[in-house]
Amino acid sequence: MPRYYSTRSIMFMVVVTLILLMLPPVLPPLPPPPLCLLFVPVMIMSVLVMLALSPSFQDQLLCCMAPLL
């Protein structure tokens, strides 16, 4: 049976997990970000949705390129 993770990598993942679990209770709370920065993920998501729902122009490109071939 192949070993996917070495002992060293498992120890590294355990240490990172423990650090991520222990730091939030120790660190002071951060102030909330400015309102304009809260809209950045919303804008990125809206652009991605618009791109996903926009029609493809691949067929039109093939029709325009056909006389050149």
PDB file of N, CA and C in Angstrom:
ATOM      1  N   MET A   1       0.848  -1.174   0.000  1.00  0.00           N
ATOM      2  CA  MET A   1       0.000   0.000   0.000  1.00  0.00           C
ATOM      3  C   MET A   1       0.897   1.242   0.000  1.00  0.00           C
ATOM      4  N   PRO A   2       0.692   2.166  -0.949  1.00  0.00           N
ATOM      5  CA  PRO A   2       1.558   3.346  -1.020  1.00  0.00           C
ATOM      6  C   PRO A   2       1.267   4.324   0.121  1.00  0.00           C
ATOM      7  N   ARG A   3       2.312   4.991   0.539  1.00  0.00           N
ATOM      8  CA  ARG A   3       2.161   6.013   1.584  1.00  0.00           C
ATOM      9  C   ARG A   3       2.030   7.360   0.888  1.00  0.00           C
ATOM     10  N   TYR A   4       0.885   7.993   1.067  1.00  0.00           N
ATOM     11  CA  TYR A   4       0.638   9.266   0.408  1.00  0.00           C
ATOM     12  C   TYR A   4       1.261  10.420   1.183  1.00  0.00           C
ATOM     13  N   TYR A   5       1.351  10.300   2.499  1.00  0.00           N
ATOM     14  CA  TYR A   5       1.894  11.361   3.336  1.00  0.00           C
ATOM     15  C   TYR A   5       3.036  10.799   4.170  1.00  0.00           C
ATOM     16  N   SER A   6       4.097  11.562   4.231  1.00  0.00           N
ATOM     17  CA  SER A   6       5.202  11.154   5.082  1.00  0.00           C
ATOM     18  C   SER A   6       4.909  11.595   6.516  1.00  0.00           C
ATOM     19  N   THR A   7       5.691  11.091   7.444  1.00  0.00           N
ATOM     20  CA  THR A   7       5.515  11.462   8.848  1.00  0.00           C
ATOM     21  C   THR A   7       5.761  12.955   9.036  1.00  0.00           C
ATOM     22  N   ARG A   8       6.707  13.473   8.314  1.00  0.00           N
ATOM     23  CA  ARG A   8       7.023  14.897   8.420  1.00  0.00           C
ATOM     24  C   ARG A   8       5.857  15.767   7.952  1.00  0.00           C
ATOM     25  N   SER A   9       5.218  15.409   6.851  1.00  0.00           N
ATOM     26  CA  SER A   9       4.098  16.207   6.357  1.00  0.00           C
ATOM     27  C   SER A   9       2.883  16.096   7.282  1.00  0.00           C
ATOM     28  N   ILE A  10       2.672  14.928   7.869  1.00  0.00           N
ATOM     29  CA  ILE A  10       1.557  14.778   8.815  1.00  0.00           C
ATOM     30  C   ILE A  10       1.810  15.633  10.050  1.00  0.00           C
ATOM     31  N   MET A  11       3.028  15.650  10.547  1.00  0.00           N
ATOM     32  CA  MET A  11       3.350  16.491  11.702  1.00  0.00           C
ATOM     33  C   MET A  11       3.176  17.972  11.372  1.00  0.00           C
ATOM     34  N   PHE A  12       3.561  18.348  10.175  1.00  0.00           N
ATOM     35  CA  PHE A  12       3.387  19.739   9.749  1.00  0.00           C
ATOM     36  C   PHE A  12       1.904  20.116   9.726  1.00  0.00           C
ATOM     37  N   MET A  13       1.058  19.241   9.166  1.00  0.00           N
ATOM     38  CA  MET A  13      -0.378  19.516   9.119  1.00  0.00           C
ATOM     39  C   MET A  13      -0.992  19.581  10.517  1.00  0.00           C
ATOM     40  N   VAL A  14      -0.535  18.729  11.431  1.00  0.00           N
ATOM     41  CA  VAL A  14      -1.030  18.756  12.808  1.00  0.00           C
ATOM     42  C   VAL A  14      -0.642  20.060  13.487  1.00  0.00           C
ATOM     43  N   VAL A  15       0.585  20.509  13.299  1.00  0.00           N
ATOM     44  CA  VAL A  15       1.041  21.759  13.917  1.00  0.00           C
ATOM     45  C   VAL A  15       0.269  22.951  13.355  1.00  0.00           C
ATOM     46  N   VAL A  16       0.069  22.998  12.056  1.00  0.00           N
ATOM     47  CA  VAL A  16      -0.695  24.092  11.448  1.00  0.00           C
ATOM     48  C   VAL A  16      -2.130  24.084  11.954  1.00  0.00           C
ATOM     49  N   THR A  17      -2.724  22.915  12.081  1.00  0.00           N
ATOM     50  CA  THR A  17      -4.086  22.817  12.607  1.00  0.00           C
ATOM     51  C   THR A  17      -4.158  23.321  14.038  1.00  0.00           C
ATOM     52  N   LEU A  18      -3.207  22.939  14.855  1.00  0.00           N
ATOM     53  CA  LEU A  18      -3.205  23.403  16.247  1.00  0.00           C
ATOM     54  C   LEU A  18      -3.013  24.916  16.331  1.00  0.00           C
ATOM     55  N   ILE A  19      -2.154  25.459  15.494  1.00  0.00           N
ATOM     56  CA  ILE A  19      -1.957  26.909  15.486  1.00  0.00           C
ATOM     57  C   ILE A  19      -3.242  27.623  15.071  1.00  0.00           C
ATOM     58  N   LEU A  20      -3.905  27.100  14.050  1.00  0.00           N
ATOM     59  CA  LEU A  20      -5.150  27.725  13.603  1.00  0.00           C
ATOM     60  C   LEU A  20      -6.259  27.620  14.644  1.00  0.00           C
ATOM     61  N   LEU A  21      -6.228  26.576  15.458  1.00  0.00           N
ATOM     62  CA  LEU A  21      -7.232  26.431  16.514  1.00  0.00           C
ATOM     63  C   LEU A  21      -6.923  27.295  17.733  1.00  0.00           C
ATOM     64  N   MET A  22      -5.650  27.515  18.015  1.00  0.00           N
ATOM     65  CA  MET A  22      -5.281  28.233  19.235  1.00  0.00           C
ATOM     66  C   MET A  22      -5.180  29.749  19.051  1.00  0.00           C
ATOM     67  N   LEU A  23      -4.886  30.220  17.862  1.00  0.00           N
ATOM     68  CA  LEU A  23      -4.694  31.652  17.672  1.00  0.00           C
ATOM     69  C   LEU A  23      -5.960  32.503  17.792  1.00  0.00           C
ATOM     70  N   PRO A  24      -7.095  32.128  17.252  1.00  0.00           N
ATOM     71  CA  PRO A  24      -8.264  33.018  17.351  1.00  0.00           C
ATOM     72  C   PRO A  24      -8.673  33.382  18.781  1.00  0.00           C
ATOM     73  N   PRO A  25      -8.662  32.480  19.757  1.00  0.00           N
ATOM     74  CA  PRO A  25      -9.013  32.918  21.110  1.00  0.00           C
ATOM     75  C   PRO A  25      -7.960  33.831  21.743  1.00  0.00           C
ATOM     76  N   VAL A  26      -6.715  33.747  21.286  1.00  0.00           N
ATOM     77  CA  VAL A  26      -5.633  34.526  21.887  1.00  0.00           C
ATOM     78  C   VAL A  26      -5.541  35.929  21.286  1.00  0.00           C
ATOM     79  N   LEU A  27      -5.751  36.052  19.992  1.00  0.00           N
ATOM     80  CA  LEU A  27      -5.616  37.344  19.326  1.00  0.00           C
ATOM     81  C   LEU A  27      -6.785  38.263  19.660  1.00  0.00           C
ATOM     82  N   PRO A  28      -6.540  39.575  19.701  1.00  0.00           N
ATOM     83  CA  PRO A  28      -7.648  40.508  19.952  1.00  0.00           C
ATOM     84  C   PRO A  28      -8.559  40.586  18.726  1.00  0.00           C
ATOM     85  N   PRO A  29      -9.808  40.944  18.928  1.00  0.00           N
ATOM     86  CA  PRO A  29     -10.712  41.035  17.779  1.00  0.00           C
ATOM     87  C   PRO A  29     -10.345  42.224  16.885  1.00  0.00           C
ATOM     88  N   LEU A  30     -10.513  42.048  15.611  1.00  0.00           N
ATOM     89  CA  LEU A  30     -10.198  43.095  14.652  1.00  0.00           C
ATOM     90  C   LEU A  30     -11.418  43.965  14.406  1.00  0.00           C
ATOM     91  N   PRO A  31     -11.202  45.234  14.062  1.00  0.00           N
ATOM     92  CA  PRO A  31     -12.348  46.086  13.727  1.00  0.00           C
ATOM     93  C   PRO A  31     -12.942  45.643  12.393  1.00  0.00           C
ATOM     94  N   PRO A  32     -14.199  45.942  12.161  1.00  0.00           N
ATOM     95  CA  PRO A  32     -14.799  45.541  10.878  1.00  0.00           C
ATOM     96  C   PRO A  32     -14.178  46.328   9.728  1.00  0.00           C
ATOM     97  N   PRO A  33     -14.126  45.736   8.548  1.00  0.00           N
ATOM     98  CA  PRO A  33     -13.553  46.443   7.399  1.00  0.00           C
ATOM     99  C   PRO A  33     -14.477  47.568   6.938  1.00  0.00           C
ATOM    100  N   PRO A  34     -13.955  48.502   6.163  1.00  0.00           N
ATOM    101  CA  PRO A  34     -14.816  49.556   5.619  1.00  0.00           C
ATOM    102  C   PRO A  34     -15.907  48.970   4.730  1.00  0.00           C
ATOM    103  N   LEU A  35     -16.988  49.710   4.617  1.00  0.00           N
ATOM    104  CA  LEU A  35     -18.160  49.207   3.891  1.00  0.00           C
ATOM    105  C   LEU A  35     -17.847  48.939   2.421  1.00  0.00           C
ATOM    106  N   CYS A  36     -17.006  49.775   1.817  1.00  0.00           N
ATOM    107  CA  CYS A  36     -16.706  49.579   0.391  1.00  0.00           C
ATOM    108  C   CYS A  36     -15.954  48.269   0.152  1.00  0.00           C
ATOM    109  N   LEU A  37     -15.144  47.833   1.113  1.00  0.00           N
ATOM    110  CA  LEU A  37     -14.433  46.559   0.944  1.00  0.00           C
ATOM    111  C   LEU A  37     -15.361  45.356   1.086  1.00  0.00           C
ATOM    112  N   LEU A  38     -16.480  45.536   1.769  1.00  0.00           N
ATOM    113  CA  LEU A  38     -17.422  44.431   1.895  1.00  0.00           C
ATOM    114  C   LEU A  38     -18.113  44.120   0.570  1.00  0.00           C
ATOM    115  N   PHE A  39     -18.156  45.095  -0.329  1.00  0.00           N
ATOM    116  CA  PHE A  39     -18.820  44.893  -1.615  1.00  0.00           C
ATOM    117  C   PHE A  39     -17.908  44.261  -2.666  1.00  0.00           C
ATOM    118  N   VAL A  40     -16.628  44.147  -2.391  1.00  0.00           N
ATOM    119  CA  VAL A  40     -15.694  43.571  -3.376  1.00  0.00           C
ATOM    120  C   VAL A  40     -16.059  42.122  -3.706  1.00  0.00           C
ATOM    121  N   PRO A  41     -16.282  41.233  -2.727  1.00  0.00           N
ATOM    122  CA  PRO A  41     -16.664  39.860  -3.106  1.00  0.00           C
ATOM    123  C   PRO A  41     -18.011  39.798  -3.824  1.00  0.00           C
ATOM    124  N   VAL A  42     -18.929  40.687  -3.458  1.00  0.00           N
ATOM    125  CA  VAL A  42     -20.236  40.712  -4.127  1.00  0.00           C
ATOM    126  C   VAL A  42     -20.063  41.118  -5.582  1.00  0.00           C
ATOM    127  N   MET A  43     -19.221  42.096  -5.829  1.00  0.00           N
ATOM    128  CA  MET A  43     -18.995  42.537  -7.208  1.00  0.00           C
ATOM    129  C   MET A  43     -18.292  41.452  -8.026  1.00  0.00           C
ATOM    130  N   ILE A  44     -17.317  40.795  -7.441  1.00  0.00           N
ATOM    131  CA  ILE A  44     -16.623  39.713  -8.154  1.00  0.00           C
ATOM    132  C   ILE A  44     -17.603  38.594  -8.491  1.00  0.00           C
ATOM    133  N   MET A  45     -18.451  38.240  -7.535  1.00  0.00           N
ATOM    134  CA  MET A  45     -19.428  37.171  -7.780  1.00  0.00           C
ATOM    135  C   MET A  45     -20.432  37.581  -8.847  1.00  0.00           C
ATOM    136  N   SER A  46     -20.868  38.832  -8.844  1.00  0.00           N
ATOM    137  CA  SER A  46     -21.826  39.265  -9.861  1.00  0.00           C
ATOM    138  C   SER A  46     -21.197  39.264 -11.253  1.00  0.00           C
ATOM    139  N   VAL A  47     -19.932  39.653 -11.356  1.00  0.00           N
ATOM    140  CA  VAL A  47     -19.251  39.604 -12.654  1.00  0.00           C
ATOM    141  C   VAL A  47     -19.118  38.157 -13.134  1.00  0.00           C
ATOM    142  N   LEU A  48     -18.786  37.246 -12.222  1.00  0.00           N
ATOM    143  CA  LEU A  48     -18.664  35.839 -12.612  1.00  0.00           C
ATOM    144  C   LEU A  48     -19.994  35.246 -13.049  1.00  0.00           C
ATOM    145  N   VAL A  49     -21.078  35.617 -12.370  1.00  0.00           N
ATOM    146  CA  VAL A  49     -22.409  35.125 -12.764  1.00  0.00           C
ATOM    147  C   VAL A  49     -22.787  35.691 -14.121  1.00  0.00           C
ATOM    148  N   MET A  50     -22.510  36.974 -14.356  1.00  0.00           N
ATOM    149  CA  MET A  50     -22.821  37.566 -15.663  1.00  0.00           C
ATOM    150  C   MET A  50     -22.032  36.887 -16.774  1.00  0.00           C
ATOM    151  N   LEU A  51     -20.760  36.582 -16.515  1.00  0.00           N
ATOM    152  CA  LEU A  51     -19.965  35.880 -17.522  1.00  0.00           C
ATOM    153  C   LEU A  51     -20.469  34.465 -17.766  1.00  0.00           C
ATOM    154  N   ALA A  52     -20.916  33.806 -16.703  1.00  0.00           N
ATOM    155  CA  ALA A  52     -21.411  32.436 -16.861  1.00  0.00           C
ATOM    156  C   ALA A  52     -22.713  32.401 -17.640  1.00  0.00           C
ATOM    157  N   LEU A  53     -23.539  33.429 -17.497  1.00  0.00           N
ATOM    158  CA  LEU A  53     -24.839  33.439 -18.159  1.00  0.00           C
ATOM    159  C   LEU A  53     -24.825  34.162 -19.500  1.00  0.00           C
ATOM    160  N   SER A  54     -23.727  34.773 -19.869  1.00  0.00           N
ATOM    161  CA  SER A  54     -23.672  35.479 -21.150  1.00  0.00           C
ATOM    162  C   SER A  54     -23.562  34.460 -22.285  1.00  0.00           C
ATOM    163  N   PRO A  55     -24.110  34.811 -23.448  1.00  0.00           N
ATOM    164  CA  PRO A  55     -24.047  33.869 -24.564  1.00  0.00           C
ATOM    165  C   PRO A  55     -22.620  33.721 -25.089  1.00  0.00           C
ATOM    166  N   SER A  56     -22.359  32.568 -25.620  1.00  0.00           N
ATOM    167  CA  SER A  56     -21.035  32.288 -26.165  1.00  0.00           C
ATOM    168  C   SER A  56     -20.948  32.833 -27.582  1.00  0.00           C
ATOM    169  N   PHE A  57     -19.796  33.366 -27.937  1.00  0.00           N
ATOM    170  CA  PHE A  57     -19.594  33.894 -29.276  1.00  0.00           C
ATOM    171  C   PHE A  57     -18.760  32.950 -30.132  1.00  0.00           C
ATOM    172  N   GLN A  58     -18.618  31.721 -29.698  1.00  0.00           N
ATOM    173  CA  GLN A  58     -17.799  30.757 -30.431  1.00  0.00           C
ATOM    174  C   GLN A  58     -18.422  30.432 -31.788  1.00  0.00           C
ATOM    175  N   ASP A  59     -19.742  30.276 -31.841  1.00  0.00           N
ATOM    176  CA  ASP A  59     -20.389  29.961 -33.112  1.00  0.00           C
ATOM    177  C   ASP A  59     -20.236  31.106 -34.104  1.00  0.00           C
ATOM    178  N   GLN A  60     -20.349  32.334 -33.640  1.00  0.00           N
ATOM    179  CA  GLN A  60     -20.205  33.478 -34.528  1.00  0.00           C
ATOM    180  C   GLN A  60     -18.773  33.573 -35.046  1.00  0.00           C
ATOM    181  N   LEU A  61     -17.810  33.264 -34.205  1.00  0.00           N
ATOM    182  CA  LEU A  61     -16.422  33.299 -34.656  1.00  0.00           C
ATOM    183  C   LEU A  61     -16.164  32.237 -35.715  1.00  0.00           C
ATOM    184  N   LEU A  62     -16.759  31.053 -35.552  1.00  0.00           N
ATOM    185  CA  LEU A  62     -16.581  29.994 -36.543  1.00  0.00           C
ATOM    186  C   LEU A  62     -17.214  30.373 -37.872  1.00  0.00           C
ATOM    187  N   CYS A  63     -18.373  31.046 -37.838  1.00  0.00           N
ATOM    188  CA  CYS A  63     -19.027  31.474 -39.067  1.00  0.00           C
ATOM    189  C   CYS A  63     -18.197  32.544 -39.773  1.00  0.00           C
ATOM    190  N   CYS A  64     -17.596  33.431 -39.012  1.00  0.00           N
ATOM    191  CA  CYS A  64     -16.789  34.492 -39.616  1.00  0.00           C
ATOM    192  C   CYS A  64     -15.462  33.956 -40.129  1.00  0.00           C
ATOM    193  N   MET A  65     -14.926  32.947 -39.485  1.00  0.00           N
ATOM    194  CA  MET A  65     -13.632  32.397 -39.869  1.00  0.00           C
ATOM    195  C   MET A  65     -13.745  31.401 -41.030  1.00  0.00           C
ATOM    196  N   ALA A  66     -14.943  30.859 -41.290  1.00  0.00           N
ATOM    197  CA  ALA A  66     -15.108  29.822 -42.308  1.00  0.00           C
ATOM    198  C   ALA A  66     -14.684  30.320 -43.697  1.00  0.00           C
ATOM    199  N   PRO A  67     -15.026  31.539 -44.132  1.00  0.00           N
ATOM    200  CA  PRO A  67     -14.574  31.955 -45.467  1.00  0.00           C
ATOM    201  C   PRO A  67     -13.048  32.092 -45.558  1.00  0.00           C
ATOM    202  N   LEU A  68     -12.404  32.322 -44.440  1.00  0.00           N
ATOM    203  CA  LEU A  68     -10.949  32.492 -44.461  1.00  0.00           C
ATOM    204  C   LEU A  68     -10.225  31.159 -44.564  1.00  0.00           C
ATOM    205  N   LEU A  69     -10.896  30.065 -44.178  1.00  0.00           N
ATOM    206  CA  LEU A  69     -10.242  28.753 -44.192  1.00  0.00           C
ATOM    207  C   LEU A  69     -10.247  28.123 -45.535  1.00  0.00           C
TER     208      LEU A  69
END
